[in-house]
Structures are given as structure tokens and as C-alpha cells.
């Protein structure tokens, strides 16, 4: 039994987590040794059990998935973590991989794809599906938005006018317009509506 791959599953949706655990425990060489429903508990359980591979949901209550990955990797540089999520925006992918994830899988995959990915990451390799790699290339190919531009973009997605954005950020309307022009240019879109749509699709802004 010592040659089994020890797994930690961090997923806040109970039914999804139980399904993952049940699936993985049917694989002879795999054993789910711990499970968590939030990021902080996931970090604590990693410290306690030091699993071979961790499956980490990206959107978690409290400490988010990318932040939890970064925290674990800071303490355990060799930690092998696969992000498993419904989010395929290029910014989500970028944050997770920057944090140190070895794999990024979408929840719509088949069970055998997940098992194969775990084996691959356990062997010290990375697993990033072609569609995810394509999104990541889009992110790397574009100019990154500044912190202020992201704040403006979030308010655009929230339906705020230039005047309202200026009031919220304590800047002039002229400055708001400059930020918006920069955002449109960097994102390769022509108006606010396209910017808002692209921001949600790419994971730059999430609905609360």
C-alpha cells in the first residue's frame, strides 16, 4: 500500500467533492487521505498529511485556490498541485500557474483524464490541456493591465458611468477616460461593452 499516490481534495461543493473522492478511491494506486471545503483548511491538511498530489478548486471561501496554492508552495516547494475548476478564463489560468500549480483541469473532463493527469503530475511533469494552453498564450501575449486599470474595469463591469467611476476612485473624469482608452487598447476591444464581456470571459473580473 505504500506505493499508492496519496491525495488531498480541496473543493467547497460537497457533492462534487464526494464524487471526486469516490471516483479516485476506485483507482487501485490512489488513496484520498484528506479532504477540505475551503482554502485555509486545505493548507492545514497539506501541512499535516503532505500528500503526493493535491486537487485544488480555484474558487474557495476564505482563502482562494490560487492563494492556497501559493501558500503551500512557499512552505513546500516540491508540492504537486492540480487546479480543478469550472473557470477557464486566461487570467484564472495565469494566476493559478504563477502560484505554482503543476496542472490546470476543467471540471467537464472525463474521469480517466483526471486519473491520467494525477499520474502525470505525480511523475513530476505538468498537465495543461491544449484549450487551457491556448488561453494562457492569449494572456501572455497581451499587455497586462495595471492595478488601477483593473479597478476601473471592475467598475465598468458593474455598470458604473465615468463620473461614478471617478467618484469611487477619487480621480477626474478625464483620468477615467485615459484609463478606459488604455484598457480598450490592451484588451483589443473597441468599447466598454466589449471590455466588460471580455473581462468576465477572461477571468479578469468575477461577479461577487
Foldseek 3Di string as FASTA:
>chain_A
DVQAFEEEEEAQDPVVRVVVQVLQVVDVRYHHPYYHNALVVSLVVCVVPVTLEYEFEQQGPDQGRLRSLLVNCVVPVLYAYEYEYQALALVSLVSNVVSPHQEYYYPVDDSVVVVVQSVQSSVVHGYYDPSSVVNVVVVVPFDDQDPLLLLLLQVLLVVDDLVRSCVVVVHDSVVSVVSVVVQCVRQVHDDSVVSNVSCPNNVSDDDD
